[in-house]
Amino acid sequence: MQYRTDQERLLDTIGIGVNKALGPKGSKLIAPSASSIGPFYAITIIEDTVFGSMTDCNIVGLDTTTVFVAGITIMGSFPQVTLTSGKVLAYKL
């Protein structure tokens, strides 16, 4: 690839770094009653979901009655995830 400017070179370097950091670890589909050990950096809600627990996560105020609707993605640090209901796709860190 031939760069026209230093800015293009920098943007390409940043893009490569982001892909290396977030892309290659994969993801895991999590269903109720199956505890999954991460760490995970993001969780996409596939079906309306209630979390049973999120051990040592960095989200303040999360409780076990909150319903997360399908289609949203939450970002954070999730060492372990357990669901009461629903399905999620957790992205490995």
PDB file of N, CA and C in Angstrom:
ATOM      1  N   MET A   1       0.848  -1.170   0.000  1.00  0.00           N
ATOM      2  CA  MET A   1       0.000   0.000   0.000  1.00  0.00           C
ATOM      3  C   MET A   1       0.893   1.233   0.000  1.00  0.00           C
ATOM      4  N   GLN A   2       0.552   2.169  -0.822  1.00  0.00           N
ATOM      5  CA  GLN A   2       1.324   3.400  -0.893  1.00  0.00           C
ATOM      6  C   GLN A   2       0.550   4.516  -0.198  1.00  0.00           C
ATOM      7  N   TYR A   3       1.201   5.174   0.766  1.00  0.00           N
ATOM      8  CA  TYR A   3       0.582   6.254   1.520  1.00  0.00           C
ATOM      9  C   TYR A   3       0.860   7.595   0.851  1.00  0.00           C
ATOM     10  N   ARG A   4      -0.156   8.440   0.878  1.00  0.00           N
ATOM     11  CA  ARG A   4       0.022   9.791   0.345  1.00  0.00           C
ATOM     12  C   ARG A   4       0.450  10.754   1.436  1.00  0.00           C
ATOM     13  N   THR A   5       0.013  10.499   2.674  1.00  0.00           N
ATOM     14  CA  THR A   5       0.332  11.423   3.768  1.00  0.00           C
ATOM     15  C   THR A   5       0.723  10.645   5.017  1.00  0.00           C
ATOM     16  N   ASP A   6       1.338  11.360   5.960  1.00  0.00           N
ATOM     17  CA  ASP A   6       1.655  10.756   7.254  1.00  0.00           C
ATOM     18  C   ASP A   6       0.376  10.390   8.009  1.00  0.00           C
ATOM     19  N   GLN A   7      -0.676  11.172   7.792  1.00  0.00           N
ATOM     20  CA  GLN A   7      -1.951  10.892   8.448  1.00  0.00           C
ATOM     21  C   GLN A   7      -2.510   9.541   7.988  1.00  0.00           C
ATOM     22  N   GLU A   8      -2.428   9.228   6.715  1.00  0.00           N
ATOM     23  CA  GLU A   8      -2.889   7.929   6.224  1.00  0.00           C
ATOM     24  C   GLU A   8      -2.090   6.794   6.851  1.00  0.00           C
ATOM     25  N   ARG A   9      -0.783   6.987   6.969  1.00  0.00           N
ATOM     26  CA  ARG A   9       0.080   5.973   7.582  1.00  0.00           C
ATOM     27  C   ARG A   9      -0.323   5.759   9.050  1.00  0.00           C
ATOM     28  N   LEU A  10      -0.563   6.845   9.781  1.00  0.00           N
ATOM     29  CA  LEU A  10      -0.962   6.764  11.177  1.00  0.00           C
ATOM     30  C   LEU A  10      -2.314   6.066  11.327  1.00  0.00           C
ATOM     31  N   LEU A  11      -3.296   6.433  10.502  1.00  0.00           N
ATOM     32  CA  LEU A  11      -4.613   5.806  10.574  1.00  0.00           C
ATOM     33  C   LEU A  11      -4.543   4.311  10.275  1.00  0.00           C
ATOM     34  N   ASP A  12      -3.722   3.925   9.327  1.00  0.00           N
ATOM     35  CA  ASP A  12      -3.559   2.511   9.019  1.00  0.00           C
ATOM     36  C   ASP A  12      -2.928   1.771  10.193  1.00  0.00           C
ATOM     37  N   THR A  13      -1.940   2.366  10.821  1.00  0.00           N
ATOM     38  CA  THR A  13      -1.290   1.757  11.983  1.00  0.00           C
ATOM     39  C   THR A  13      -2.270   1.594  13.140  1.00  0.00           C
ATOM     40  N   ILE A  14      -3.095   2.605  13.371  1.00  0.00           N
ATOM     41  CA  ILE A  14      -4.110   2.525  14.420  1.00  0.00           C
ATOM     42  C   ILE A  14      -5.109   1.414  14.111  1.00  0.00           C
ATOM     43  N   GLY A  15      -5.567   1.335  12.880  1.00  0.00           N
ATOM     44  CA  GLY A  15      -6.516   0.291  12.486  1.00  0.00           C
ATOM     45  C   GLY A  15      -5.955  -1.103  12.677  1.00  0.00           C
ATOM     46  N   ILE A  16      -4.714  -1.302  12.319  1.00  0.00           N
ATOM     47  CA  ILE A  16      -4.072  -2.608  12.500  1.00  0.00           C
ATOM     48  C   ILE A  16      -3.989  -2.950  13.987  1.00  0.00           C
ATOM     49  N   GLY A  17      -3.637  -1.971  14.822  1.00  0.00           N
ATOM     50  CA  GLY A  17      -3.550  -2.201  16.261  1.00  0.00           C
ATOM     51  C   GLY A  17      -4.885  -2.567  16.884  1.00  0.00           C
ATOM     52  N   VAL A  18      -5.947  -1.876  16.477  1.00  0.00           N
ATOM     53  CA  VAL A  18      -7.285  -2.165  16.997  1.00  0.00           C
ATOM     54  C   VAL A  18      -7.704  -3.577  16.593  1.00  0.00           C
ATOM     55  N   ASN A  19      -7.480  -3.959  15.347  1.00  0.00           N
ATOM     56  CA  ASN A  19      -7.840  -5.302  14.892  1.00  0.00           C
ATOM     57  C   ASN A  19      -7.084  -6.378  15.660  1.00  0.00           C
ATOM     58  N   LYS A  20      -5.816  -6.150  15.929  1.00  0.00           N
ATOM     59  CA  LYS A  20      -5.030  -7.124  16.692  1.00  0.00           C
ATOM     60  C   LYS A  20      -5.525  -7.229  18.125  1.00  0.00           C
ATOM     61  N   ALA A  21      -5.914  -6.107  18.716  1.00  0.00           N
ATOM     62  CA  ALA A  21      -6.333  -6.093  20.113  1.00  0.00           C
ATOM     63  C   ALA A  21      -7.712  -6.703  20.321  1.00  0.00           C
ATOM     64  N   LEU A  22      -8.632  -6.488  19.392  1.00  0.00           N
ATOM     65  CA  LEU A  22     -10.020  -6.882  19.623  1.00  0.00           C
ATOM     66  C   LEU A  22     -10.500  -8.051  18.779  1.00  0.00           C
ATOM     67  N   GLY A  23      -9.865  -8.324  17.682  1.00  0.00           N
ATOM     68  CA  GLY A  23     -10.415  -9.283  16.751  1.00  0.00           C
ATOM     69  C   GLY A  23     -10.154 -10.750  16.985  1.00  0.00           C
ATOM     70  N   PRO A  24      -8.942 -11.163  17.286  1.00  0.00           N
ATOM     71  CA  PRO A  24      -8.612 -12.575  17.143  1.00  0.00           C
ATOM     72  C   PRO A  24      -9.071 -13.508  18.252  1.00  0.00           C
ATOM     73  N   LYS A  25      -9.585 -13.018  19.348  1.00  0.00           N
ATOM     74  CA  LYS A  25      -9.913 -13.889  20.480  1.00  0.00           C
ATOM     75  C   LYS A  25     -11.247 -14.604  20.329  1.00  0.00           C
ATOM     76  N   GLY A  26     -12.148 -14.117  19.501  1.00  0.00           N
ATOM     77  CA  GLY A  26     -13.415 -14.792  19.264  1.00  0.00           C
ATOM     78  C   GLY A  26     -14.498 -14.385  20.239  1.00  0.00           C
ATOM     79  N   SER A  27     -15.565 -15.164  20.254  1.00  0.00           N
ATOM     80  CA  SER A  27     -16.707 -14.874  21.100  1.00  0.00           C
ATOM     81  C   SER A  27     -17.318 -16.185  21.586  1.00  0.00           C
ATOM     82  N   LYS A  28     -18.250 -16.069  22.535  1.00  0.00           N
ATOM     83  CA  LYS A  28     -18.897 -17.247  23.106  1.00  0.00           C
ATOM     84  C   LYS A  28     -20.379 -16.969  23.294  1.00  0.00           C
ATOM     85  N   LEU A  29     -21.220 -17.886  22.828  1.00  0.00           N
ATOM     86  CA  LEU A  29     -22.658 -17.789  23.038  1.00  0.00           C
ATOM     87  C   LEU A  29     -22.962 -18.339  24.427  1.00  0.00           C
ATOM     88  N   ILE A  30     -23.643 -17.535  25.247  1.00  0.00           N
ATOM     89  CA  ILE A  30     -23.938 -17.927  26.628  1.00  0.00           C
ATOM     90  C   ILE A  30     -25.447 -18.013  26.807  1.00  0.00           C
ATOM     91  N   ALA A  31     -25.901 -19.118  27.391  1.00  0.00           N
ATOM     92  CA  ALA A  31     -27.313 -19.357  27.673  1.00  0.00           C
ATOM     93  C   ALA A  31     -27.501 -19.444  29.196  1.00  0.00           C
ATOM     94  N   PRO A  32     -28.761 -19.430  29.684  1.00  0.00           N
ATOM     95  CA  PRO A  32     -29.006 -19.480  31.133  1.00  0.00           C
ATOM     96  C   PRO A  32     -28.388 -20.713  31.796  1.00  0.00           C
ATOM     97  N   SER A  33     -28.050 -20.535  33.069  1.00  0.00           N
ATOM     98  CA  SER A  33     -27.527 -21.584  33.940  1.00  0.00           C
ATOM     99  C   SER A  33     -26.138 -22.088  33.559  1.00  0.00           C
ATOM    100  N   ALA A  34     -25.515 -21.515  32.548  1.00  0.00           N
ATOM    101  CA  ALA A  34     -24.165 -21.919  32.169  1.00  0.00           C
ATOM    102  C   ALA A  34     -23.221 -20.764  32.489  1.00  0.00           C
ATOM    103  N   SER A  35     -22.474 -20.912  33.562  1.00  0.00           N
ATOM    104  CA  SER A  35     -21.521 -19.870  33.936  1.00  0.00           C
ATOM    105  C   SER A  35     -20.374 -19.873  32.938  1.00  0.00           C
ATOM    106  N   SER A  36     -19.985 -18.716  32.491  1.00  0.00           N
ATOM    107  CA  SER A  36     -18.906 -18.610  31.511  1.00  0.00           C
ATOM    108  C   SER A  36     -17.807 -17.730  32.055  1.00  0.00           C
ATOM    109  N   ILE A  37     -16.613 -18.270  32.065  1.00  0.00           N
ATOM    110  CA  ILE A  37     -15.459 -17.537  32.555  1.00  0.00           C
ATOM    111  C   ILE A  37     -14.791 -16.843  31.387  1.00  0.00           C
ATOM    112  N   GLY A  38     -14.570 -15.549  31.530  1.00  0.00           N
ATOM    113  CA  GLY A  38     -13.973 -14.721  30.488  1.00  0.00           C
ATOM    114  C   GLY A  38     -12.475 -14.738  30.535  1.00  0.00           C
ATOM    115  N   PRO A  39     -11.885 -13.613  30.425  1.00  0.00           N
ATOM    116  CA  PRO A  39     -12.517 -12.299  30.471  1.00  0.00           C
ATOM    117  C   PRO A  39     -13.148 -11.908  29.141  1.00  0.00           C
ATOM    118  N   PHE A  40     -14.214 -11.115  29.243  1.00  0.00           N
ATOM    119  CA  PHE A  40     -14.915 -10.589  28.077  1.00  0.00           C
ATOM    120  C   PHE A  40     -14.854  -9.060  28.131  1.00  0.00           C
ATOM    121  N   TYR A  41     -14.825  -8.423  26.956  1.00  0.00           N
ATOM    122  CA  TYR A  41     -14.783  -6.952  26.920  1.00  0.00           C
ATOM    123  C   TYR A  41     -16.097  -6.345  26.448  1.00  0.00           C
ATOM    124  N   ALA A  42     -16.988  -7.152  25.880  1.00  0.00           N
ATOM    125  CA  ALA A  42     -18.291  -6.657  25.426  1.00  0.00           C
ATOM    126  C   ALA A  42     -19.269  -7.815  25.394  1.00  0.00           C
ATOM    127  N   ILE A  43     -20.548  -7.480  25.573  1.00  0.00           N
ATOM    128  CA  ILE A  43     -21.605  -8.493  25.534  1.00  0.00           C
ATOM    129  C   ILE A  43     -22.739  -7.939  24.677  1.00  0.00           C
ATOM    130  N   THR A  44     -23.116  -8.694  23.637  1.00  0.00           N
ATOM    131  CA  THR A  44     -24.261  -8.338  22.804  1.00  0.00           C
ATOM    132  C   THR A  44     -25.445  -9.197  23.224  1.00  0.00           C
ATOM    133  N   ILE A  45     -26.580  -8.552  23.467  1.00  0.00           N
ATOM    134  CA  ILE A  45     -27.781  -9.244  23.913  1.00  0.00           C
ATOM    135  C   ILE A  45     -28.495  -9.818  22.685  1.00  0.00           C
ATOM    136  N   ILE A  46     -28.637 -11.146  22.631  1.00  0.00           N
ATOM    137  CA  ILE A  46     -29.286 -11.823  21.513  1.00  0.00           C
ATOM    138  C   ILE A  46     -30.794 -11.952  21.760  1.00  0.00           C
ATOM    139  N   GLU A  47     -31.171 -12.334  22.978  1.00  0.00           N
ATOM    140  CA  GLU A  47     -32.569 -12.392  23.415  1.00  0.00           C
ATOM    141  C   GLU A  47     -32.669 -11.565  24.691  1.00  0.00           C
ATOM    142  N   ASP A  48     -33.850 -10.994  24.981  1.00  0.00           N
ATOM    143  CA  ASP A  48     -34.011 -10.243  26.229  1.00  0.00           C
ATOM    144  C   ASP A  48     -33.403 -11.045  27.372  1.00  0.00           C
ATOM    145  N   THR A  49     -32.555 -10.396  28.176  1.00  0.00           N
ATOM    146  CA  THR A  49     -31.698 -11.119  29.121  1.00  0.00           C
ATOM    147  C   THR A  49     -31.729 -10.496  30.507  1.00  0.00           C
ATOM    148  N   VAL A  50     -31.706 -11.372  31.516  1.00  0.00           N
ATOM    149  CA  VAL A  50     -31.467 -10.985  32.904  1.00  0.00           C
ATOM    150  C   VAL A  50     -30.206 -11.720  33.347  1.00  0.00           C
ATOM    151  N   PHE A  51     -29.247 -10.960  33.865  1.00  0.00           N
ATOM    152  CA  PHE A  51     -28.001 -11.562  34.329  1.00  0.00           C
ATOM    153  C   PHE A  51     -28.176 -12.088  35.745  1.00  0.00           C
ATOM    154  N   GLY A  52     -27.705 -13.316  35.965  1.00  0.00           N
ATOM    155  CA  GLY A  52     -27.718 -13.886  37.311  1.00  0.00           C
ATOM    156  C   GLY A  52     -26.607 -13.283  38.146  1.00  0.00           C
ATOM    157  N   SER A  53     -25.446 -13.166  37.550  1.00  0.00           N
ATOM    158  CA  SER A  53     -24.326 -12.504  38.213  1.00  0.00           C
ATOM    159  C   SER A  53     -23.284 -12.131  37.174  1.00  0.00           C
ATOM    160  N   MET A  54     -22.525 -11.118  37.527  1.00  0.00           N
ATOM    161  CA  MET A  54     -21.368 -10.717  36.732  1.00  0.00           C
ATOM    162  C   MET A  54     -20.254 -10.471  37.736  1.00  0.00           C
ATOM    163  N   THR A  55     -19.501 -11.496  38.046  1.00  0.00           N
ATOM    164  CA  THR A  55     -18.467 -11.418  39.060  1.00  0.00           C
ATOM    165  C   THR A  55     -17.403 -10.402  38.683  1.00  0.00           C
ATOM    166  N   ASP A  56     -17.163  -9.462  39.584  1.00  0.00           N
ATOM    167  CA  ASP A  56     -16.107  -8.454  39.442  1.00  0.00           C
ATOM    168  C   ASP A  56     -16.214  -7.603  38.182  1.00  0.00           C
ATOM    169  N   CYS A  57     -17.428  -7.395  37.668  1.00  0.00           N
ATOM    170  CA  CYS A  57     -17.558  -6.534  36.483  1.00  0.00           C
ATOM    171  C   CYS A  57     -17.435  -5.080  36.913  1.00  0.00           C
ATOM    172  N   ASN A  58     -17.158  -4.204  35.972  1.00  0.00           N
ATOM    173  CA  ASN A  58     -16.946  -2.793  36.313  1.00  0.00           C
ATOM    174  C   ASN A  58     -18.147  -1.919  35.978  1.00  0.00           C
ATOM    175  N   ILE A  59     -19.351  -2.476  36.026  1.00  0.00           N
ATOM    176  CA  ILE A  59     -20.574  -1.697  35.797  1.00  0.00           C
ATOM    177  C   ILE A  59     -21.223  -1.422  37.147  1.00  0.00           C
ATOM    178  N   VAL A  60     -21.383  -0.160  37.485  1.00  0.00           N
ATOM    179  CA  VAL A  60     -21.947   0.242  38.764  1.00  0.00           C
ATOM    180  C   VAL A  60     -23.469   0.171  38.689  1.00  0.00           C
ATOM    181  N   GLY A  61     -24.094  -0.379  39.729  1.00  0.00           N
ATOM    182  CA  GLY A  61     -25.543  -0.382  39.829  1.00  0.00           C
ATOM    183  C   GLY A  61     -26.242  -1.529  39.118  1.00  0.00           C
ATOM    184  N   LEU A  62     -25.498  -2.485  38.612  1.00  0.00           N
ATOM    185  CA  LEU A  62     -26.109  -3.636  37.939  1.00  0.00           C
ATOM    186  C   LEU A  62     -26.730  -4.556  38.977  1.00  0.00           C
ATOM    187  N   ASP A  63     -27.984  -4.914  38.775  1.00  0.00           N
ATOM    188  CA  ASP A  63     -28.608  -5.870  39.689  1.00  0.00           C
ATOM    189  C   ASP A  63     -29.217  -7.023  38.905  1.00  0.00           C
ATOM    190  N   THR A  64     -29.743  -7.989  39.615  1.00  0.00           N
ATOM    191  CA  THR A  64     -30.253  -9.199  38.971  1.00  0.00           C
ATOM    192  C   THR A  64     -31.723  -9.095  38.576  1.00  0.00           C
ATOM    193  N   THR A  65     -32.275  -7.873  38.551  1.00  0.00           N
ATOM    194  CA  THR A  65     -33.648  -7.693  38.092  1.00  0.00           C
ATOM    195  C   THR A  65     -33.717  -6.872  36.803  1.00  0.00           C
ATOM    196  N   THR A  66     -32.603  -6.304  36.386  1.00  0.00           N
ATOM    197  CA  THR A  66     -32.574  -5.475  35.181  1.00  0.00           C
ATOM    198  C   THR A  66     -32.717  -6.347  33.943  1.00  0.00           C
ATOM    199  N   VAL A  67     -33.651  -5.984  33.068  1.00  0.00           N
ATOM    200  CA  VAL A  67     -33.830  -6.699  31.807  1.00  0.00           C
ATOM    201  C   VAL A  67     -33.122  -5.913  30.705  1.00  0.00           C
ATOM    202  N   PHE A  68     -32.163  -6.561  30.059  1.00  0.00           N
ATOM    203  CA  PHE A  68     -31.460  -5.972  28.920  1.00  0.00           C
ATOM    204  C   PHE A  68     -32.145  -6.472  27.658  1.00  0.00           C
ATOM    205  N   VAL A  69     -32.587  -5.559  26.799  1.00  0.00           N
ATOM    206  CA  VAL A  69     -33.344  -5.946  25.614  1.00  0.00           C
ATOM    207  C   VAL A  69     -32.415  -6.383  24.483  1.00  0.00           C
ATOM    208  N   ALA A  70     -32.935  -7.249  23.646  1.00  0.00           N
ATOM    209  CA  ALA A  70     -32.162  -7.774  22.515  1.00  0.00           C
ATOM    210  C   ALA A  70     -31.693  -6.640  21.614  1.00  0.00           C
ATOM    211  N   GLY A  71     -30.472  -6.792  21.115  1.00  0.00           N
ATOM    212  CA  GLY A  71     -29.940  -5.846  20.153  1.00  0.00           C
ATOM    213  C   GLY A  71     -28.945  -4.847  20.699  1.00  0.00           C
ATOM    214  N   ILE A  72     -28.844  -4.741  22.026  1.00  0.00           N
ATOM    215  CA  ILE A  72     -27.882  -3.789  22.558  1.00  0.00           C
ATOM    216  C   ILE A  72     -26.551  -4.488  22.866  1.00  0.00           C
ATOM    217  N   THR A  73     -25.500  -3.709  22.923  1.00  0.00           N
ATOM    218  CA  THR A  73     -24.184  -4.212  23.308  1.00  0.00           C
ATOM    219  C   THR A  73     -23.699  -3.382  24.481  1.00  0.00           C
ATOM    220  N   ILE A  74     -23.239  -4.059  25.525  1.00  0.00           N
ATOM    221  CA  ILE A  74     -22.676  -3.365  26.674  1.00  0.00           C
ATOM    222  C   ILE A  74     -21.172  -3.626  26.697  1.00  0.00           C
ATOM    223  N   MET A  75     -20.431  -2.574  26.966  1.00  0.00           N
ATOM    224  CA  MET A  75     -18.970  -2.651  27.009  1.00  0.00           C
ATOM    225  C   MET A  75     -18.531  -2.613  28.463  1.00  0.00           C
ATOM    226  N   GLY A  76     -17.441  -3.278  28.744  1.00  0.00           N
ATOM    227  CA  GLY A  76     -16.915  -3.270  30.105  1.00  0.00           C
ATOM    228  C   GLY A  76     -15.898  -4.370  30.280  1.00  0.00           C
ATOM    229  N   SER A  77     -15.645  -4.692  31.520  1.00  0.00           N
ATOM    230  CA  SER A  77     -14.745  -5.781  31.869  1.00  0.00           C
ATOM    231  C   SER A  77     -15.574  -6.825  32.598  1.00  0.00           C
ATOM    232  N   PHE A  78     -15.679  -8.017  32.017  1.00  0.00           N
ATOM    233  CA  PHE A  78     -16.539  -9.065  32.551  1.00  0.00           C
ATOM    234  C   PHE A  78     -15.734 -10.353  32.747  1.00  0.00           C
ATOM    235  N   PRO A  79     -15.186 -10.574  33.954  1.00  0.00           N
ATOM    236  CA  PRO A  79     -14.407 -11.793  34.190  1.00  0.00           C
ATOM    237  C   PRO A  79     -15.247 -13.072  34.153  1.00  0.00           C
ATOM    238  N   GLN A  80     -16.505 -12.998  34.624  1.00  0.00           N
ATOM    239  CA  GLN A  80     -17.378 -14.175  34.636  1.00  0.00           C
ATOM    240  C   GLN A  80     -18.823 -13.718  34.480  1.00  0.00           C
ATOM    241  N   VAL A  81     -19.613 -14.476  33.709  1.00  0.00           N
ATOM    242  CA  VAL A  81     -20.997 -14.092  33.422  1.00  0.00           C
ATOM    243  C   VAL A  81     -21.914 -15.291  33.625  1.00  0.00           C
ATOM    244  N   THR A  82     -23.040 -15.067  34.319  1.00  0.00           N
ATOM    245  CA  THR A  82     -24.086 -16.078  34.471  1.00  0.00           C
ATOM    246  C   THR A  82     -25.423 -15.415  34.142  1.00  0.00           C
ATOM    247  N   LEU A  83     -26.278 -16.111  33.390  1.00  0.00           N
ATOM    248  CA  LEU A  83     -27.588 -15.578  33.013  1.00  0.00           C
ATOM    249  C   LEU A  83     -28.706 -16.271  33.770  1.00  0.00           C
ATOM    250  N   THR A  84     -29.756 -15.505  34.099  1.00  0.00           N
ATOM    251  CA  THR A  84     -30.992 -16.080  34.626  1.00  0.00           C
ATOM    252  C   THR A  84     -31.914 -16.435  33.463  1.00  0.00           C
ATOM    253  N   SER A  85     -31.920 -15.568  32.439  1.00  0.00           N
ATOM    254  CA  SER A  85     -32.729 -15.822  31.245  1.00  0.00           C
ATOM    255  C   SER A  85     -32.101 -15.116  30.054  1.00  0.00           C
ATOM    256  N   GLY A  86     -32.478 -15.568  28.848  1.00  0.00           N
ATOM    257  CA  GLY A  86     -32.006 -14.945  27.624  1.00  0.00           C
ATOM    258  C   GLY A  86     -30.764 -15.603  27.049  1.00  0.00           C
ATOM    259  N   LYS A  87     -30.190 -14.971  26.029  1.00  0.00           N
ATOM    260  CA  LYS A  87     -28.947 -15.426  25.400  1.00  0.00           C
ATOM    261  C   LYS A  87     -28.115 -14.207  25.046  1.00  0.00           C
ATOM    262  N   VAL A  88     -26.802 -14.347  25.205  1.00  0.00           N
ATOM    263  CA  VAL A  88     -25.884 -13.266  24.869  1.00  0.00           C
ATOM    264  C   VAL A  88     -24.700 -13.824  24.096  1.00  0.00           C
ATOM    265  N   LEU A  89     -24.043 -12.931  23.383  1.00  0.00           N
ATOM    266  CA  LEU A  89     -22.789 -13.253  22.718  1.00  0.00           C
ATOM    267  C   LEU A  89     -21.722 -12.415  23.405  1.00  0.00           C
ATOM    268  N   ALA A  90     -20.776 -13.096  24.069  1.00  0.00           N
ATOM    269  CA  ALA A  90     -19.730 -12.424  24.829  1.00  0.00           C
ATOM    270  C   ALA A  90     -18.430 -12.467  24.033  1.00  0.00           C
ATOM    271  N   TYR A  91     -17.777 -11.318  23.927  1.00  0.00           N
ATOM    272  CA  TYR A  91     -16.552 -11.192  23.135  1.00  0.00           C
ATOM    273  C   TYR A  91     -15.333 -11.320  24.037  1.00  0.00           C
ATOM    274  N   LYS A  92     -14.482 -12.290  23.724  1.00  0.00           N
ATOM    275  CA  LYS A  92     -13.327 -12.607  24.567  1.00  0.00           C
ATOM    276  C   LYS A  92     -12.254 -11.544  24.484  1.00  0.00           C
ATOM    277  N   LEU A  93     -11.643 -11.289  25.621  1.00  0.00           N
ATOM    278  CA  LEU A  93     -10.550 -10.338  25.704  1.00  0.00           C
ATOM    279  C   LEU A  93      -9.221 -11.068  25.592  1.00  0.00           C
TER     280      LEU A  93
END
